[in-house]
Amino acid sequence: MNTEWLDRLGGTASAACALHCLSLALAPAIITLFGLNHAAHGTLEWLFFASAATLAIIAAVVGYRTHHTLWVVGGFAAGLLVLSAGRMGEALSLFEGGVYFAVTGGSILVLSHVASIRETRRHRRACC
């Protein structure tokens, strides 16, 4: 089974989530200036979060079945925990700086998808 497409899609979703959070944290004046306030809407943020989390979970399971690498699964788990903490911190106003957790979590997920692609390729070379 070719799982590389799943990691590429998941990496893209995680990167989009992280970039969205980063842009909202670093450039609120620019976003308002260009009339992009709708980009800060909660529904969009939950959509990014849900797609990144869903793809990360699926990629972790499918990737582990392919290459049996626990540290990659650990990367997905760490990324999901940090991303979830950031999203909950923002959504529930639990603490300041939730956006930085979300950006960090999304970045960890991107790196986990890249690591999963590399491990899958390495596993294929070793088997064939």
Protein backbone atom coordinates (compact mmCIF):
# COMPACT_ATOMS: atom_id res chain seq x y z
CA MET A 1 0.00 0.00 0.00
CA ASN A 2 1.41 3.42 -0.97
CA THR A 3 1.07 5.64 2.09
CA GLU A 4 3.18 8.51 0.82
CA TRP A 5 0.13 10.37 -0.54
CA LEU A 6 -1.44 10.23 2.93
CA ASP A 7 1.64 11.78 4.52
CA ARG A 8 1.86 14.43 1.82
CA LEU A 9 -1.80 15.36 2.34
CA GLY A 10 -1.40 15.31 6.11
CA GLY A 11 1.76 17.38 5.94
CA THR A 12 -0.01 19.94 3.79
CA ALA A 13 -2.97 20.10 6.18
CA SER A 14 -0.67 20.45 9.20
CA ALA A 15 1.38 23.14 7.48
CA ALA A 16 -1.79 25.04 6.50
CA CYS A 17 -2.98 24.85 10.10
CA ALA A 18 0.36 26.07 11.45
CA LEU A 19 0.64 28.89 8.89
CA HIS A 20 -2.93 29.99 9.59
CA CYS A 21 -2.22 30.19 13.34
CA LEU A 22 1.11 31.91 12.76
CA SER A 23 -0.41 34.51 10.45
CA LEU A 24 -3.11 35.30 13.00
CA ALA A 25 -0.53 35.65 15.76
CA LEU A 26 2.00 37.76 13.89
CA ALA A 27 -0.03 39.90 11.54
CA PRO A 28 -3.44 40.89 12.97
CA ALA A 29 -3.09 44.46 11.73
CA ILE A 30 -2.27 43.33 8.18
CA ILE A 31 -5.15 40.85 8.20
CA THR A 32 -7.57 43.59 9.28
CA LEU A 33 -6.08 46.06 6.80
CA PHE A 34 -6.73 43.71 3.88
CA GLY A 35 -10.20 42.79 5.14
CA LEU A 36 -9.35 39.17 5.88
CA ASN A 37 -11.01 39.12 9.31
CA HIS A 38 -13.01 36.07 8.27
CA ALA A 39 -9.75 34.09 8.39
CA ALA A 40 -9.90 34.33 12.18
CA HIS A 41 -13.33 32.71 12.36
CA GLY A 42 -13.57 29.88 14.87
CA THR A 43 -15.17 27.45 12.43
CA LEU A 44 -12.20 27.71 10.08
CA GLU A 45 -9.80 27.11 12.97
CA TRP A 46 -11.74 24.00 14.07
CA LEU A 47 -11.74 22.77 10.46
CA PHE A 48 -7.96 23.13 10.21
CA PHE A 49 -7.53 21.43 13.57
CA ALA A 50 -9.88 18.55 12.72
CA SER A 51 -8.31 17.88 9.33
CA ALA A 52 -4.75 18.01 10.67
CA ALA A 53 -5.62 15.78 13.64
CA THR A 54 -7.59 13.24 11.59
CA LEU A 55 -4.89 12.90 8.96
CA ALA A 56 -2.19 12.64 11.63
CA ILE A 57 -4.00 9.79 13.40
CA ILE A 58 -4.62 7.91 10.16
CA ALA A 59 -1.04 8.50 8.96
CA ALA A 60 0.38 7.32 12.30
CA VAL A 61 -1.59 4.06 12.18
CA VAL A 62 -1.00 3.36 8.49
CA GLY A 63 2.63 4.45 8.70
CA TYR A 64 3.32 2.22 11.69
CA ARG A 65 1.79 -0.73 9.89
CA THR A 66 4.11 0.00 6.97
CA HIS A 67 7.45 0.80 8.61
CA HIS A 68 7.00 -0.19 12.30
CA THR A 69 8.80 2.89 13.62
CA LEU A 70 7.66 3.92 17.09
CA TRP A 71 9.51 7.23 17.19
CA VAL A 72 7.48 8.46 14.19
CA VAL A 73 4.26 7.51 15.97
CA GLY A 74 5.61 9.30 19.04
CA GLY A 75 6.14 12.40 16.91
CA PHE A 76 2.54 12.28 15.76
CA ALA A 77 1.35 11.84 19.36
CA ALA A 78 3.49 14.74 20.60
CA GLY A 79 2.31 16.97 17.75
CA LEU A 80 -1.32 16.13 18.44
CA LEU A 81 -0.93 16.83 22.16
CA VAL A 82 0.73 20.20 21.60
CA LEU A 83 -1.72 21.16 18.83
CA SER A 84 -4.69 20.14 21.02
CA ALA A 85 -3.34 22.14 23.96
CA GLY A 86 -3.00 25.18 21.73
CA ARG A 87 -6.44 24.82 20.21
CA MET A 88 -8.10 24.31 23.59
CA GLY A 89 -6.12 27.19 25.07
CA GLU A 90 -7.38 29.47 22.31
CA ALA A 91 -10.95 28.21 22.12
CA LEU A 92 -11.58 28.10 25.86
CA SER A 93 -9.37 31.08 26.76
CA LEU A 94 -7.49 28.89 29.24
CA PHE A 95 -4.15 30.64 28.83
CA GLU A 96 -2.40 33.23 26.71
CA GLY A 97 -0.15 32.00 23.95
CA GLY A 98 -2.30 29.11 22.76
CA VAL A 99 -1.53 30.13 19.21
CA TYR A 100 2.16 29.40 19.78
CA PHE A 101 1.31 25.92 20.97
CA ALA A 102 -0.87 25.44 17.87
CA VAL A 103 1.93 26.58 15.54
CA THR A 104 4.43 24.33 17.32
CA GLY A 105 2.06 21.34 17.26
CA GLY A 106 1.32 21.83 13.57
CA SER A 107 5.04 22.06 12.85
CA ILE A 108 5.72 18.85 14.78
CA LEU A 109 3.01 17.13 12.72
CA VAL A 110 4.59 18.33 9.47
CA LEU A 111 7.96 16.94 10.59
CA SER A 112 6.29 13.66 11.60
CA HIS A 113 4.73 13.30 8.16
CA VAL A 114 8.11 13.96 6.53
CA ALA A 115 9.73 11.39 8.85
CA SER A 116 7.02 8.87 7.99
CA ILE A 117 7.63 9.36 4.26
CA ARG A 118 11.37 8.82 4.77
CA GLU A 119 10.84 5.71 6.91
CA THR A 120 8.39 4.28 4.38
CA ARG A 121 10.90 4.80 1.56
CA ARG A 122 13.69 3.29 3.66
CA HIS A 123 11.51 0.29 4.50
CA ARG A 124 10.72 -0.25 0.79
CA ARG A 125 14.40 -0.12 -0.15
CA ALA A 126 15.28 -2.61 2.58
CA CYS A 127 12.53 -5.03 1.57
CA CYS A 128 12.94 -4.89 -2.21
